[in-house]
Amino acid sequence: MAVLERRLQLLLDEQRYARVAEEATRRGASVATVIRDAIDLAYPSGYEVRVQSVRNLLASADGEPADLDDAAWRETREAMEAELVGRFA
C-alpha cells in the first residue's frame, strides 16, 4: 500500500457527500478510501492500463485452439498473460 503523504481539502455538495458516505458505510470503509478508489478507477496508472489491455487481448481469443483441451488452453493463456504482463509492466 502506498504511503499517504499528501493532504487534500475537498468540498462536496450534500448529494455527492451522501452518495460517498453511503458507499463507505456499505463497504465498511472510510469516505477517504472510497474517494481514493474512485480516483484509481477514473485515472488508472499506466501499469494498470497495460495489464488490463493484455487481459482484454487474451480474453478476446474466441474459443480454444483445436489441439488443446480446456485445461491446457487455460494453462497456456495464464502463461501468456504472466509473460506479457511481465514485459509491459
PDB file of N, CA and C in Angstrom:
ATOM      1  N   MET A   1       0.837  -1.175   0.000  1.00  0.00           N
ATOM      2  CA  MET A   1       0.000   0.000   0.000  1.00  0.00           C
ATOM      3  C   MET A   1       0.883   1.240   0.000  1.00  0.00           C
ATOM      4  N   ALA A   2       0.488   2.227  -0.752  1.00  0.00           N
ATOM      5  CA  ALA A   2       1.248   3.463  -0.857  1.00  0.00           C
ATOM      6  C   ALA A   2       1.183   4.252   0.448  1.00  0.00           C
ATOM      7  N   VAL A   3       2.255   4.976   0.707  1.00  0.00           N
ATOM      8  CA  VAL A   3       2.283   5.855   1.866  1.00  0.00           C
ATOM      9  C   VAL A   3       1.462   7.097   1.530  1.00  0.00           C
ATOM     10  N   LEU A   4       0.558   7.437   2.405  1.00  0.00           N
ATOM     11  CA  LEU A   4      -0.281   8.617   2.189  1.00  0.00           C
ATOM     12  C   LEU A   4       0.468   9.824   2.711  1.00  0.00           C
ATOM     13  N   GLU A   5       0.878  10.713   1.800  1.00  0.00           N
ATOM     14  CA  GLU A   5       1.712  11.833   2.211  1.00  0.00           C
ATOM     15  C   GLU A   5       1.209  13.190   1.745  1.00  0.00           C
ATOM     16  N   ARG A   6       0.096  13.222   1.046  1.00  0.00           N
ATOM     17  CA  ARG A   6      -0.468  14.493   0.586  1.00  0.00           C
ATOM     18  C   ARG A   6      -1.848  14.678   1.191  1.00  0.00           C
ATOM     19  N   ARG A   7      -2.081  15.845   1.705  1.00  0.00           N
ATOM     20  CA  ARG A   7      -3.380  16.180   2.282  1.00  0.00           C
ATOM     21  C   ARG A   7      -4.145  17.000   1.259  1.00  0.00           C
ATOM     22  N   LEU A   8      -5.435  16.732   1.160  1.00  0.00           N
ATOM     23  CA  LEU A   8      -6.283  17.427   0.197  1.00  0.00           C
ATOM     24  C   LEU A   8      -7.560  17.845   0.889  1.00  0.00           C
ATOM     25  N   GLN A   9      -7.941  19.086   0.688  1.00  0.00           N
ATOM     26  CA  GLN A   9      -9.227  19.550   1.203  1.00  0.00           C
ATOM     27  C   GLN A   9     -10.182  19.581   0.027  1.00  0.00           C
ATOM     28  N   LEU A  10     -11.325  18.930   0.190  1.00  0.00           N
ATOM     29  CA  LEU A  10     -12.285  18.800  -0.892  1.00  0.00           C
ATOM     30  C   LEU A  10     -13.662  19.203  -0.392  1.00  0.00           C
ATOM     31  N   LEU A  11     -14.284  20.101  -1.100  1.00  0.00           N
ATOM     32  CA  LEU A  11     -15.647  20.499  -0.742  1.00  0.00           C
ATOM     33  C   LEU A  11     -16.619  19.785  -1.672  1.00  0.00           C
ATOM     34  N   LEU A  12     -17.649  19.182  -1.084  1.00  0.00           N
ATOM     35  CA  LEU A  12     -18.679  18.479  -1.842  1.00  0.00           C
ATOM     36  C   LEU A  12     -20.044  19.036  -1.487  1.00  0.00           C
ATOM     37  N   ASP A  13     -20.947  19.001  -2.454  1.00  0.00           N
ATOM     38  CA  ASP A  13     -22.321  19.366  -2.119  1.00  0.00           C
ATOM     39  C   ASP A  13     -22.930  18.202  -1.328  1.00  0.00           C
ATOM     40  N   GLU A  14     -24.060  18.438  -0.728  1.00  0.00           N
ATOM     41  CA  GLU A  14     -24.685  17.453   0.171  1.00  0.00           C
ATOM     42  C   GLU A  14     -25.009  16.140  -0.548  1.00  0.00           C
ATOM     43  N   GLN A  15     -25.490  16.216  -1.787  1.00  0.00           N
ATOM     44  CA  GLN A  15     -25.863  14.997  -2.521  1.00  0.00           C
ATOM     45  C   GLN A  15     -24.646  14.122  -2.828  1.00  0.00           C
ATOM     46  N   ARG A  16     -23.550  14.732  -3.265  1.00  0.00           N
ATOM     47  CA  ARG A  16     -22.344  13.939  -3.538  1.00  0.00           C
ATOM     48  C   ARG A  16     -21.806  13.319  -2.248  1.00  0.00           C
ATOM     49  N   TYR A  17     -21.753  14.121  -1.199  1.00  0.00           N
ATOM     50  CA  TYR A  17     -21.239  13.578   0.061  1.00  0.00           C
ATOM     51  C   TYR A  17     -22.105  12.414   0.534  1.00  0.00           C
ATOM     52  N   ALA A  18     -23.421  12.549   0.411  1.00  0.00           N
ATOM     53  CA  ALA A  18     -24.324  11.474   0.842  1.00  0.00           C
ATOM     54  C   ALA A  18     -24.044  10.189   0.059  1.00  0.00           C
ATOM     55  N   ARG A  19     -23.810  10.315  -1.247  1.00  0.00           N
ATOM     56  CA  ARG A  19     -23.520   9.126  -2.059  1.00  0.00           C
ATOM     57  C   ARG A  19     -22.215   8.469  -1.623  1.00  0.00           C
ATOM     58  N   VAL A  20     -21.188   9.278  -1.400  1.00  0.00           N
ATOM     59  CA  VAL A  20     -19.890   8.733  -0.986  1.00  0.00           C
ATOM     60  C   VAL A  20     -19.995   8.115   0.403  1.00  0.00           C
ATOM     61  N   ALA A  21     -20.662   8.795   1.317  1.00  0.00           N
ATOM     62  CA  ALA A  21     -20.809   8.283   2.684  1.00  0.00           C
ATOM     63  C   ALA A  21     -21.611   6.983   2.702  1.00  0.00           C
ATOM     64  N   GLU A  22     -22.641   6.907   1.875  1.00  0.00           N
ATOM     65  CA  GLU A  22     -23.448   5.677   1.794  1.00  0.00           C
ATOM     66  C   GLU A  22     -22.600   4.509   1.294  1.00  0.00           C
ATOM     67  N   GLU A  23     -21.781   4.758   0.283  1.00  0.00           N
ATOM     68  CA  GLU A  23     -20.901   3.704  -0.241  1.00  0.00           C
ATOM     69  C   GLU A  23     -19.873   3.297   0.814  1.00  0.00           C
ATOM     70  N   ALA A  24     -19.342   4.261   1.542  1.00  0.00           N
ATOM     71  CA  ALA A  24     -18.375   3.950   2.595  1.00  0.00           C
ATOM     72  C   ALA A  24     -19.018   3.066   3.658  1.00  0.00           C
ATOM     73  N   THR A  25     -20.225   3.395   4.051  1.00  0.00           N
ATOM     74  CA  THR A  25     -20.941   2.589   5.041  1.00  0.00           C
ATOM     75  C   THR A  25     -21.197   1.186   4.509  1.00  0.00           C
ATOM     76  N   ARG A  26     -21.632   1.093   3.263  1.00  0.00           N
ATOM     77  CA  ARG A  26     -21.914  -0.208   2.651  1.00  0.00           C
ATOM     78  C   ARG A  26     -20.673  -1.093   2.641  1.00  0.00           C
ATOM     79  N   ARG A  27     -19.516  -0.499   2.341  1.00  0.00           N
ATOM     80  CA  ARG A  27     -18.262  -1.252   2.271  1.00  0.00           C
ATOM     81  C   ARG A  27     -17.593  -1.454   3.626  1.00  0.00           C
ATOM     82  N   GLY A  28     -17.996  -0.661   4.600  1.00  0.00           N
ATOM     83  CA  GLY A  28     -17.288  -0.695   5.880  1.00  0.00           C
ATOM     84  C   GLY A  28     -15.933  -0.017   5.755  1.00  0.00           C
ATOM     85  N   ALA A  29     -15.882   1.040   4.948  1.00  0.00           N
ATOM     86  CA  ALA A  29     -14.631   1.750   4.687  1.00  0.00           C
ATOM     87  C   ALA A  29     -14.822   3.226   5.032  1.00  0.00           C
ATOM     88  N   SER A  30     -13.727   3.962   4.974  1.00  0.00           N
ATOM     89  CA  SER A  30     -13.814   5.397   5.227  1.00  0.00           C
ATOM     90  C   SER A  30     -14.237   6.121   3.946  1.00  0.00           C
ATOM     91  N   VAL A  31     -14.738   7.329   4.120  1.00  0.00           N
ATOM     92  CA  VAL A  31     -15.079   8.172   2.973  1.00  0.00           C
ATOM     93  C   VAL A  31     -13.816   8.422   2.145  1.00  0.00           C
ATOM     94  N   ALA A  32     -12.700   8.655   2.801  1.00  0.00           N
ATOM     95  CA  ALA A  32     -11.440   8.903   2.089  1.00  0.00           C
ATOM     96  C   ALA A  32     -11.052   7.714   1.219  1.00  0.00           C
ATOM     97  N   THR A  33     -11.238   6.503   1.726  1.00  0.00           N
ATOM     98  CA  THR A  33     -10.913   5.305   0.945  1.00  0.00           C
ATOM     99  C   THR A  33     -11.789   5.218  -0.295  1.00  0.00           C
ATOM    100  N   VAL A  34     -13.064   5.505  -0.155  1.00  0.00           N
ATOM    101  CA  VAL A  34     -13.975   5.470  -1.304  1.00  0.00           C
ATOM    102  C   VAL A  34     -13.536   6.499  -2.349  1.00  0.00           C
ATOM    103  N   ILE A  35     -13.147   7.670  -1.917  1.00  0.00           N
ATOM    104  CA  ILE A  35     -12.707   8.705  -2.854  1.00  0.00           C
ATOM    105  C   ILE A  35     -11.405   8.293  -3.537  1.00  0.00           C
ATOM    106  N   ARG A  36     -10.437   7.727  -2.779  1.00  0.00           N
ATOM    107  CA  ARG A  36      -9.191   7.254  -3.394  1.00  0.00           C
ATOM    108  C   ARG A  36      -9.479   6.160  -4.418  1.00  0.00           C
ATOM    109  N   ASP A  37     -10.379   5.233  -4.083  1.00  0.00           N
ATOM    110  CA  ASP A  37     -10.744   4.165  -5.023  1.00  0.00           C
ATOM    111  C   ASP A  37     -11.382   4.731  -6.291  1.00  0.00           C
ATOM    112  N   ALA A  38     -12.207   5.751  -6.138  1.00  0.00           N
ATOM    113  CA  ALA A  38     -12.843   6.386  -7.303  1.00  0.00           C
ATOM    114  C   ALA A  38     -11.791   7.050  -8.197  1.00  0.00           C
ATOM    115  N   ILE A  39     -10.783   7.669  -7.590  1.00  0.00           N
ATOM    116  CA  ILE A  39      -9.703   8.280  -8.370  1.00  0.00           C
ATOM    117  C   ILE A  39      -8.949   7.198  -9.139  1.00  0.00           C
ATOM    118  N   ASP A  40      -8.623   6.091  -8.467  1.00  0.00           N
ATOM    119  CA  ASP A  40      -7.905   4.999  -9.131  1.00  0.00           C
ATOM    120  C   ASP A  40      -8.702   4.424 -10.297  1.00  0.00           C
ATOM    121  N   LEU A  41     -10.007   4.340 -10.123  1.00  0.00           N
ATOM    122  CA  LEU A  41     -10.865   3.813 -11.186  1.00  0.00           C
ATOM    123  C   LEU A  41     -10.948   4.782 -12.365  1.00  0.00           C
ATOM    124  N   ALA A  42     -11.086   6.047 -12.086  1.00  0.00           N
ATOM    125  CA  ALA A  42     -11.228   7.045 -13.145  1.00  0.00           C
ATOM    126  C   ALA A  42      -9.899   7.349 -13.838  1.00  0.00           C
ATOM    127  N   TYR A  43      -8.801   7.268 -13.103  1.00  0.00           N
ATOM    128  CA  TYR A  43      -7.484   7.623 -13.635  1.00  0.00           C
ATOM    129  C   TYR A  43      -6.463   6.541 -13.301  1.00  0.00           C
ATOM    130  N   PRO A  44      -6.559   5.381 -13.968  1.00  0.00           N
ATOM    131  CA  PRO A  44      -5.643   4.289 -13.654  1.00  0.00           C
ATOM    132  C   PRO A  44      -4.205   4.637 -14.032  1.00  0.00           C
ATOM    133  N   SER A  45      -3.268   4.031 -13.313  1.00  0.00           N
ATOM    134  CA  SER A  45      -1.855   4.246 -13.635  1.00  0.00           C
ATOM    135  C   SER A  45      -1.547   3.568 -14.968  1.00  0.00           C
ATOM    136  N   GLY A  46      -0.457   3.941 -15.582  1.00  0.00           N
ATOM    137  CA  GLY A  46      -0.051   3.333 -16.851  1.00  0.00           C
ATOM    138  C   GLY A  46       0.084   1.830 -16.735  1.00  0.00           C
ATOM    139  N   TYR A  47       0.615   1.348 -15.618  1.00  0.00           N
ATOM    140  CA  TYR A  47       0.770  -0.096 -15.401  1.00  0.00           C
ATOM    141  C   TYR A  47      -0.586  -0.794 -15.441  1.00  0.00           C
ATOM    142  N   GLU A  48      -1.570  -0.249 -14.734  1.00  0.00           N
ATOM    143  CA  GLU A  48      -2.895  -0.869 -14.686  1.00  0.00           C
ATOM    144  C   GLU A  48      -3.536  -0.904 -16.069  1.00  0.00           C
ATOM    145  N   VAL A  49      -3.341   0.154 -16.847  1.00  0.00           N
ATOM    146  CA  VAL A  49      -3.890   0.203 -18.199  1.00  0.00           C
ATOM    147  C   VAL A  49      -3.248  -0.881 -19.064  1.00  0.00           C
ATOM    148  N   ARG A  50      -1.935  -1.030 -18.969  1.00  0.00           N
ATOM    149  CA  ARG A  50      -1.235  -2.047 -19.773  1.00  0.00           C
ATOM    150  C   ARG A  50      -1.663  -3.446 -19.381  1.00  0.00           C
ATOM    151  N   VAL A  51      -1.769  -3.711 -18.085  1.00  0.00           N
ATOM    152  CA  VAL A  51      -2.196  -5.035 -17.623  1.00  0.00           C
ATOM    153  C   VAL A  51      -3.605  -5.336 -18.118  1.00  0.00           C
ATOM    154  N   GLN A  52      -4.511  -4.378 -18.014  1.00  0.00           N
ATOM    155  CA  GLN A  52      -5.881  -4.604 -18.475  1.00  0.00           C
ATOM    156  C   GLN A  52      -5.912  -4.811 -19.986  1.00  0.00           C
ATOM    157  N   SER A  53      -5.073  -4.126 -20.717  1.00  0.00           N
ATOM    158  CA  SER A  53      -5.014  -4.314 -22.164  1.00  0.00           C
ATOM    159  C   SER A  53      -4.584  -5.724 -22.517  1.00  0.00           C
ATOM    160  N   VAL A  54      -3.591  -6.237 -21.801  1.00  0.00           N
ATOM    161  CA  VAL A  54      -3.146  -7.616 -22.030  1.00  0.00           C
ATOM    162  C   VAL A  54      -4.274  -8.587 -21.709  1.00  0.00           C
ATOM    163  N   ARG A  55      -4.952  -8.367 -20.611  1.00  0.00           N
ATOM    164  CA  ARG A  55      -6.067  -9.259 -20.245  1.00  0.00           C
ATOM    165  C   ARG A  55      -7.185  -9.192 -21.282  1.00  0.00           C
ATOM    166  N   ASN A  56      -7.484  -8.000 -21.778  1.00  0.00           N
ATOM    167  CA  ASN A  56      -8.512  -7.861 -22.803  1.00  0.00           C
ATOM    168  C   ASN A  56      -8.111  -8.573 -24.087  1.00  0.00           C
ATOM    169  N   LEU A  57      -6.840  -8.472 -24.457  1.00  0.00           N
ATOM    170  CA  LEU A  57      -6.349  -9.158 -25.650  1.00  0.00           C
ATOM    171  C   LEU A  57      -6.517 -10.666 -25.521  1.00  0.00           C
ATOM    172  N   LEU A  58      -6.126 -11.200 -24.380  1.00  0.00           N
ATOM    173  CA  LEU A  58      -6.250 -12.640 -24.169  1.00  0.00           C
ATOM    174  C   LEU A  58      -7.708 -13.075 -24.105  1.00  0.00           C
ATOM    175  N   ALA A  59      -8.549 -12.254 -23.515  1.00  0.00           N
ATOM    176  CA  ALA A  59      -9.970 -12.596 -23.400  1.00  0.00           C
ATOM    177  C   ALA A  59     -10.669 -12.554 -24.748  1.00  0.00           C
ATOM    178  N   SER A  60     -10.099 -11.803 -25.694  1.00  0.00           N
ATOM    179  CA  SER A  60     -10.750 -11.674 -26.999  1.00  0.00           C
ATOM    180  C   SER A  60     -10.544 -12.898 -27.873  1.00  0.00           C
ATOM    181  N   ALA A  61      -9.636 -13.784 -27.482  1.00  0.00           N
ATOM    182  CA  ALA A  61      -9.421 -15.010 -28.267  1.00  0.00           C
ATOM    183  C   ALA A  61     -10.687 -15.862 -28.189  1.00  0.00           C
ATOM    184  N   ASP A  62     -11.300 -16.102 -29.311  1.00  0.00           N
ATOM    185  CA  ASP A  62     -12.544 -16.878 -29.342  1.00  0.00           C
ATOM    186  C   ASP A  62     -12.231 -18.363 -29.224  1.00  0.00           C
ATOM    187  N   GLY A  63     -12.805 -18.992 -28.226  1.00  0.00           N
ATOM    188  CA  GLY A  63     -12.642 -20.440 -28.076  1.00  0.00           C
ATOM    189  C   GLY A  63     -11.213 -20.812 -27.760  1.00  0.00           C
ATOM    190  N   GLU A  64     -10.903 -22.063 -27.969  1.00  0.00           N
ATOM    191  CA  GLU A  64      -9.576 -22.579 -27.695  1.00  0.00           C
ATOM    192  C   GLU A  64      -9.017 -23.199 -28.964  1.00  0.00           C
ATOM    193  N   PRO A  65      -7.697 -23.247 -29.096  1.00  0.00           N
ATOM    194  CA  PRO A  65      -7.116 -23.915 -30.263  1.00  0.00           C
ATOM    195  C   PRO A  65      -7.579 -25.368 -30.326  1.00  0.00           C
ATOM    196  N   ALA A  66      -7.745 -25.872 -31.521  1.00  0.00           N
ATOM    197  CA  ALA A  66      -8.293 -27.223 -31.717  1.00  0.00           C
ATOM    198  C   ALA A  66      -7.453 -28.304 -31.064  1.00  0.00           C
ATOM    199  N   ASP A  67      -6.146 -28.087 -30.961  1.00  0.00           N
ATOM    200  CA  ASP A  67      -5.285 -29.141 -30.422  1.00  0.00           C
ATOM    201  C   ASP A  67      -5.098 -29.066 -28.909  1.00  0.00           C
ATOM    202  N   LEU A  68      -5.814 -28.163 -28.212  1.00  0.00           N
ATOM    203  CA  LEU A  68      -5.695 -28.044 -26.756  1.00  0.00           C
ATOM    204  C   LEU A  68      -7.051 -28.256 -26.097  1.00  0.00           C
ATOM    205  N   ASP A  69      -7.056 -29.013 -24.991  1.00  0.00           N
ATOM    206  CA  ASP A  69      -8.297 -29.150 -24.235  1.00  0.00           C
ATOM    207  C   ASP A  69      -8.456 -27.933 -23.320  1.00  0.00           C
ATOM    208  N   ASP A  70      -9.581 -27.855 -22.609  1.00  0.00           N
ATOM    209  CA  ASP A  70      -9.860 -26.689 -21.766  1.00  0.00           C
ATOM    210  C   ASP A  70      -8.744 -26.395 -20.775  1.00  0.00           C
ATOM    211  N   ALA A  71      -8.273 -27.412 -20.071  1.00  0.00           N
ATOM    212  CA  ALA A  71      -7.249 -27.203 -19.038  1.00  0.00           C
ATOM    213  C   ALA A  71      -5.938 -26.737 -19.663  1.00  0.00           C
ATOM    214  N   ALA A  72      -5.560 -27.357 -20.782  1.00  0.00           N
ATOM    215  CA  ALA A  72      -4.305 -26.982 -21.433  1.00  0.00           C
ATOM    216  C   ALA A  72      -4.384 -25.557 -21.969  1.00  0.00           C
ATOM    217  N   TRP A  73      -5.525 -25.180 -22.536  1.00  0.00           N
ATOM    218  CA  TRP A  73      -5.689 -23.825 -23.048  1.00  0.00           C
ATOM    219  C   TRP A  73      -5.656 -22.815 -21.909  1.00  0.00           C
ATOM    220  N   ARG A  74      -6.316 -23.125 -20.801  1.00  0.00           N
ATOM    221  CA  ARG A  74      -6.316 -22.232 -19.643  1.00  0.00           C
ATOM    222  C   ARG A  74      -4.877 -22.034 -19.147  1.00  0.00           C
ATOM    223  N   GLU A  75      -4.118 -23.119 -19.060  1.00  0.00           N
ATOM    224  CA  GLU A  75      -2.735 -23.044 -18.597  1.00  0.00           C
ATOM    225  C   GLU A  75      -1.881 -22.220 -19.577  1.00  0.00           C
ATOM    226  N   THR A  76      -2.106 -22.408 -20.859  1.00  0.00           N
ATOM    227  CA  THR A  76      -1.364 -21.662 -21.870  1.00  0.00           C
ATOM    228  C   THR A  76      -1.680 -20.176 -21.780  1.00  0.00           C
ATOM    229  N   ARG A  77      -2.960 -19.844 -21.653  1.00  0.00           N
ATOM    230  CA  ARG A  77      -3.354 -18.437 -21.537  1.00  0.00           C
ATOM    231  C   ARG A  77      -2.764 -17.798 -20.293  1.00  0.00           C
ATOM    232  N   GLU A  78      -2.760 -18.529 -19.179  1.00  0.00           N
ATOM    233  CA  GLU A  78      -2.194 -17.978 -17.941  1.00  0.00           C
ATOM    234  C   GLU A  78      -0.705 -17.703 -18.110  1.00  0.00           C
ATOM    235  N   ALA A  79      -0.004 -18.612 -18.784  1.00  0.00           N
ATOM    236  CA  ALA A  79       1.433 -18.422 -19.019  1.00  0.00           C
ATOM    237  C   ALA A  79       1.666 -17.219 -19.932  1.00  0.00           C
ATOM    238  N   MET A  80       0.847 -17.098 -20.985  1.00  0.00           N
ATOM    239  CA  MET A  80       0.962 -15.953 -21.890  1.00  0.00           C
ATOM    240  C   MET A  80       0.706 -14.653 -21.148  1.00  0.00           C
ATOM    241  N   GLU A  81      -0.316 -14.646 -20.313  1.00  0.00           N
ATOM    242  CA  GLU A  81      -0.642 -13.447 -19.559  1.00  0.00           C
ATOM    243  C   GLU A  81       0.504 -13.063 -18.636  1.00  0.00           C
ATOM    244  N   ALA A  82       1.056 -14.036 -17.920  1.00  0.00           N
ATOM    245  CA  ALA A  82       2.157 -13.744 -16.992  1.00  0.00           C
ATOM    246  C   ALA A  82       3.352 -13.160 -17.737  1.00  0.00           C
ATOM    247  N   GLU A  83       3.658 -13.715 -18.894  1.00  0.00           N
ATOM    248  CA  GLU A  83       4.808 -13.217 -19.665  1.00  0.00           C
ATOM    249  C   GLU A  83       4.539 -11.818 -20.210  1.00  0.00           C
ATOM    250  N   LEU A  84       3.345 -11.604 -20.766  1.00  0.00           N
ATOM    251  CA  LEU A  84       3.017 -10.288 -21.322  1.00  0.00           C
ATOM    252  C   LEU A  84       2.960  -9.215 -20.241  1.00  0.00           C
ATOM    253  N   VAL A  85       2.348  -9.546 -19.124  1.00  0.00           N
ATOM    254  CA  VAL A  85       2.275  -8.578 -18.021  1.00  0.00           C
ATOM    255  C   VAL A  85       3.677  -8.235 -17.552  1.00  0.00           C
ATOM    256  N   GLY A  86       4.543  -9.246 -17.463  1.00  0.00           N
ATOM    257  CA  GLY A  86       5.943  -9.002 -17.065  1.00  0.00           C
ATOM    258  C   GLY A  86       6.677  -8.094 -18.017  1.00  0.00           C
ATOM    259  N   ARG A  87       6.432  -8.275 -19.297  1.00  0.00           N
ATOM    260  CA  ARG A  87       7.122  -7.462 -20.312  1.00  0.00           C
ATOM    261  C   ARG A  87       6.644  -6.023 -20.334  1.00  0.00           C
ATOM    262  N   PHE A  88       5.353  -5.811 -20.128  1.00  0.00           N
ATOM    263  CA  PHE A  88       4.788  -4.470 -20.263  1.00  0.00           C
ATOM    264  C   PHE A  88       4.595  -3.757 -18.943  1.00  0.00           C
ATOM    265  N   ALA A  89       4.979  -4.369 -17.847  1.00  0.00           N
ATOM    266  CA  ALA A  89       4.814  -3.761 -16.526  1.00  0.00           C
ATOM    267  C   ALA A  89       5.845  -2.681 -16.301  1.00  0.00           C
TER     268      ALA A  89
END
